[in-house]
Amino acid sequence: MPKSNTAYGRFDDPDLVVLAQEGDNQAFAELIERHQPTCRRLALSILKNAEDAEDEVQNALWKAFEHIGQFQQDAKFSTWLSRIVVNQCLMRLRKDKRARTVSIDEPVSVEDSLRLDLPDLNPSPEEALGRSELGAVLQIEIRRIPPLLREVILLRDVEERPMEEISEKLGISVAAAKSRLLRARLELRARMQKHLGVMGLATLTG
């Protein structure tokens, strides 16, 4: 696997994994840089659709980031990451298959009707306060991340614009825009973890 020209390029994968498990997001970004092309080819070979493959690669990379601490290095990082990509793609295929087999024209008798008791979805006063304070912290930290990353996360996660529009606005490919969005989310997540700690919202409301 070729190494990049960044300061982390001199490290082998096992060393980068150790750094990533210690909270070094740049080390994880280097791992992504090395293995993302292989992940894309693998996903495309399974899904046969470039857009679907790119979506599931990004989902797999995010899942790998969330669970990097659980990786024991009893196998290569590339093998572990490929397994996550395959699982994501298989879930996508199963989901698409279920969507195709459900017919909206199938009649439903009155006897088959179900009564649903919907729970109260309104937040408690404590939850409402926590969300308010969390939102304020989130806005502060978004303003603090580098402009290049801040722009893509604002366009996607705040304004909820489609990736095609974002890539056009940024003047880069959709794949590059998705990769930048992942980096932005990693950066923001690391910043928010300083505030949330292990107790989540309770840290902000305690």
Protein backbone atom coordinates (compact mmCIF):
# COMPACT_ATOMS: atom_id res chain seq x y z
CA MET A 1 0.00 0.00 0.00
CA PRO A 2 1.61 3.34 -1.05
CA LYS A 3 2.18 5.89 1.65
CA SER A 4 1.30 9.58 1.37
CA ASN A 5 3.66 12.51 1.57
CA THR A 6 2.22 13.74 4.86
CA ALA A 7 4.10 13.60 8.16
CA TYR A 8 2.20 10.40 8.91
CA GLY A 9 3.30 8.74 5.69
CA ARG A 10 6.37 7.29 7.35
CA PHE A 11 4.25 5.21 9.73
CA ASP A 12 3.07 1.68 8.94
CA ASP A 13 -0.59 0.79 9.41
CA PRO A 14 -0.19 -0.83 12.87
CA ASP A 15 1.51 2.31 14.20
CA LEU A 16 -1.22 4.52 12.75
CA VAL A 17 -3.88 2.31 14.32
CA VAL A 18 -2.27 2.74 17.74
CA LEU A 19 -2.17 6.51 17.28
CA ALA A 20 -5.79 6.56 16.09
CA GLN A 21 -6.87 4.53 19.11
CA GLU A 22 -5.19 7.15 21.29
CA GLY A 23 -7.37 9.84 19.72
CA ASP A 24 -5.12 11.04 16.87
CA ASN A 25 -7.61 11.85 14.11
CA GLN A 26 -4.85 12.73 11.64
CA ALA A 27 -3.51 9.20 11.97
CA PHE A 28 -6.95 7.82 11.16
CA ALA A 29 -7.21 10.23 8.23
CA GLU A 30 -3.93 8.80 6.91
CA LEU A 31 -5.38 5.29 7.13
CA ILE A 32 -8.40 6.48 5.15
CA GLU A 33 -6.14 8.07 2.55
CA ARG A 34 -4.33 4.77 2.04
CA HIS A 35 -7.25 2.38 1.93
CA GLN A 36 -10.20 4.34 0.53
CA PRO A 37 -9.45 3.51 -3.15
CA THR A 38 -9.44 -0.22 -2.38
CA CYS A 39 -12.66 0.16 -0.39
CA ARG A 40 -14.31 1.90 -3.34
CA ARG A 41 -13.32 -0.86 -5.75
CA LEU A 42 -14.58 -3.51 -3.34
CA ALA A 43 -17.91 -1.78 -2.78
CA LEU A 44 -18.39 -1.21 -6.51
CA SER A 45 -17.73 -4.89 -7.25
CA ILE A 46 -20.56 -5.80 -4.88
CA LEU A 47 -23.15 -3.08 -5.54
CA LYS A 48 -22.46 -2.43 -9.24
CA ASN A 49 -23.47 1.20 -8.74
CA ALA A 50 -20.88 3.93 -8.21
CA GLU A 51 -23.09 6.24 -6.14
CA ASP A 52 -24.35 3.47 -3.87
CA ALA A 53 -20.81 2.16 -3.49
CA GLU A 54 -19.50 5.59 -2.49
CA ASP A 55 -22.28 6.01 0.07
CA GLU A 56 -21.53 2.67 1.72
CA VAL A 57 -17.77 3.32 1.71
CA GLN A 58 -18.37 6.55 3.62
CA ASN A 59 -20.70 4.72 6.02
CA ALA A 60 -18.05 2.02 6.52
CA LEU A 61 -15.30 4.56 7.17
CA TRP A 62 -17.44 6.33 9.73
CA LYS A 63 -18.23 3.00 11.41
CA ALA A 64 -14.53 2.13 11.42
CA PHE A 65 -13.78 5.45 13.12
CA GLU A 66 -16.42 4.81 15.77
CA HIS A 67 -15.08 1.31 16.51
CA ILE A 68 -11.34 1.78 15.99
CA GLY A 69 -10.84 1.27 19.72
CA GLN A 70 -12.20 -2.26 19.42
CA PHE A 71 -9.74 -3.31 16.73
CA GLN A 72 -7.29 -5.74 18.34
CA GLN A 73 -4.83 -5.93 15.41
CA ASP A 74 -5.23 -9.71 15.26
CA ALA A 75 -5.58 -9.13 11.51
CA LYS A 76 -4.45 -6.45 9.11
CA PHE A 77 -6.27 -3.12 9.32
CA SER A 78 -7.06 -3.42 5.61
CA THR A 79 -8.74 -6.79 6.21
CA TRP A 80 -10.78 -5.42 9.12
CA LEU A 81 -11.82 -2.37 7.10
CA SER A 82 -12.71 -4.48 4.05
CA ARG A 83 -14.93 -6.64 6.24
CA ILE A 84 -16.83 -3.54 7.38
CA VAL A 85 -17.24 -2.40 3.76
CA VAL A 86 -18.56 -5.80 2.73
CA ASN A 87 -21.04 -5.83 5.63
CA GLN A 88 -22.28 -2.36 4.70
CA CYS A 89 -22.75 -3.38 1.09
CA LEU A 90 -24.58 -6.57 2.01
CA MET A 91 -26.92 -4.61 4.28
CA ARG A 92 -27.55 -2.22 1.39
CA LEU A 93 -28.41 -5.14 -0.91
CA ARG A 94 -30.77 -6.66 1.66
CA LYS A 95 -32.44 -3.30 2.20
CA ASP A 96 -32.89 -2.74 -1.54
CA LYS A 97 -34.25 -6.27 -1.97
CA ARG A 98 -36.84 -5.73 0.76
CA ALA A 99 -37.86 -2.44 -0.83
CA ARG A 100 -38.42 -4.16 -4.18
CA THR A 101 -40.49 -6.99 -2.73
CA VAL A 102 -42.97 -4.81 -0.79
CA SER A 103 -45.96 -3.88 -2.92
CA ILE A 104 -47.85 -0.72 -2.00
CA ASP A 105 -50.82 -1.96 -4.05
CA GLU A 106 -51.36 -5.05 -1.91
CA PRO A 107 -54.81 -4.78 -0.25
CA VAL A 108 -55.05 -4.79 3.53
CA SER A 109 -58.22 -5.99 5.23
CA VAL A 110 -59.78 -4.24 8.21
CA GLU A 111 -59.05 -7.33 10.32
CA ASP A 112 -55.33 -6.92 9.60
CA SER A 113 -55.26 -3.34 10.81
CA LEU A 114 -53.09 -2.61 13.84
CA ARG A 115 -53.67 -0.12 16.61
CA LEU A 116 -50.51 1.83 17.40
CA ASP A 117 -49.96 3.48 20.76
CA LEU A 118 -47.51 6.23 19.96
CA PRO A 119 -45.22 7.34 22.78
CA ASP A 120 -44.92 10.97 23.79
CA LEU A 121 -42.01 12.23 21.70
CA ASN A 122 -41.79 15.62 23.40
CA PRO A 123 -38.50 16.01 25.30
CA SER A 124 -38.50 16.42 29.05
CA PRO A 125 -37.42 19.83 30.44
CA GLU A 126 -34.00 18.37 31.26
CA GLU A 127 -33.60 16.96 27.75
CA ALA A 128 -34.72 20.26 26.20
CA LEU A 129 -32.13 22.17 28.25
CA GLY A 130 -29.43 19.67 27.33
CA ARG A 131 -30.22 19.95 23.63
CA SER A 132 -30.21 23.73 23.81
CA GLU A 133 -26.81 23.84 25.50
CA LEU A 134 -25.46 21.16 23.18
CA GLY A 135 -26.62 23.19 20.17
CA ALA A 136 -24.82 26.27 21.46
CA VAL A 137 -21.57 24.34 21.96
CA LEU A 138 -21.95 22.75 18.54
CA GLN A 139 -22.25 26.13 16.84
CA ILE A 140 -19.13 27.38 18.62
CA GLU A 141 -17.07 24.34 17.62
CA ILE A 142 -18.26 24.44 14.00
CA ARG A 143 -16.96 28.01 13.78
CA ARG A 144 -13.60 26.85 15.14
CA ILE A 145 -12.86 24.08 12.63
CA PRO A 146 -10.75 25.02 9.56
CA PRO A 147 -12.70 26.96 6.88
CA LEU A 148 -12.16 24.24 4.26
CA LEU A 149 -13.87 21.69 6.48
CA ARG A 150 -16.38 24.10 7.98
CA GLU A 151 -17.89 24.96 4.59
CA VAL A 152 -18.71 21.39 3.64
CA ILE A 153 -20.22 20.50 7.02
CA LEU A 154 -22.40 23.63 6.96
CA LEU A 155 -23.63 22.87 3.46
CA ARG A 156 -24.42 19.23 4.21
CA ASP A 157 -25.32 18.91 7.89
CA VAL A 158 -26.77 22.36 8.54
CA GLU A 159 -28.28 23.38 5.19
CA GLU A 160 -28.89 19.74 4.16
CA ARG A 161 -27.92 20.32 0.54
CA PRO A 162 -27.42 17.30 -1.77
CA MET A 163 -23.84 16.14 -2.31
CA GLU A 164 -24.05 16.85 -6.04
CA GLU A 165 -24.82 20.52 -5.34
CA ILE A 166 -22.09 20.71 -2.71
CA SER A 167 -19.46 19.22 -5.01
CA GLU A 168 -20.40 21.71 -7.73
CA LYS A 169 -20.22 24.64 -5.31
CA LEU A 170 -16.82 23.51 -4.01
CA GLY A 171 -15.51 22.75 -7.48
CA ILE A 172 -14.58 19.15 -6.62
CA SER A 173 -15.95 15.70 -7.42
CA VAL A 174 -18.75 14.15 -5.39
CA ALA A 175 -16.33 11.54 -4.06
CA ALA A 176 -13.89 14.25 -2.95
CA ALA A 177 -16.74 16.20 -1.32
CA LYS A 178 -17.84 13.11 0.62
CA SER A 179 -14.27 12.47 1.72
CA ARG A 180 -13.93 16.06 2.90
CA LEU A 181 -17.25 15.80 4.74
CA LEU A 182 -16.01 12.73 6.58
CA ARG A 183 -12.86 14.58 7.63
CA ALA A 184 -14.98 17.52 8.80
CA ARG A 185 -17.19 15.24 10.88
CA LEU A 186 -14.14 13.58 12.42
CA GLU A 187 -12.74 16.98 13.35
CA LEU A 188 -16.05 18.17 14.83
CA ARG A 189 -16.57 14.91 16.70
CA ALA A 190 -13.15 15.20 18.32
CA ARG A 191 -13.92 18.75 19.43
CA MET A 192 -17.33 17.81 20.82
CA GLN A 193 -15.92 14.88 22.78
CA LYS A 194 -14.04 17.38 24.95
CA HIS A 195 -17.38 18.78 26.08
CA LEU A 196 -19.52 15.64 26.20
CA GLY A 197 -17.11 13.30 27.96
CA VAL A 198 -18.43 9.86 28.79
CA MET A 199 -21.82 11.05 30.04
CA GLY A 200 -23.09 12.58 26.82
CA LEU A 201 -25.76 15.23 27.33
CA ALA A 202 -25.57 14.85 31.10
CA THR A 203 -22.16 16.52 31.03
CA LEU A 204 -23.72 19.72 29.72
CA THR A 205 -26.72 19.70 32.02
CA GLY A 206 -25.07 18.60 35.24
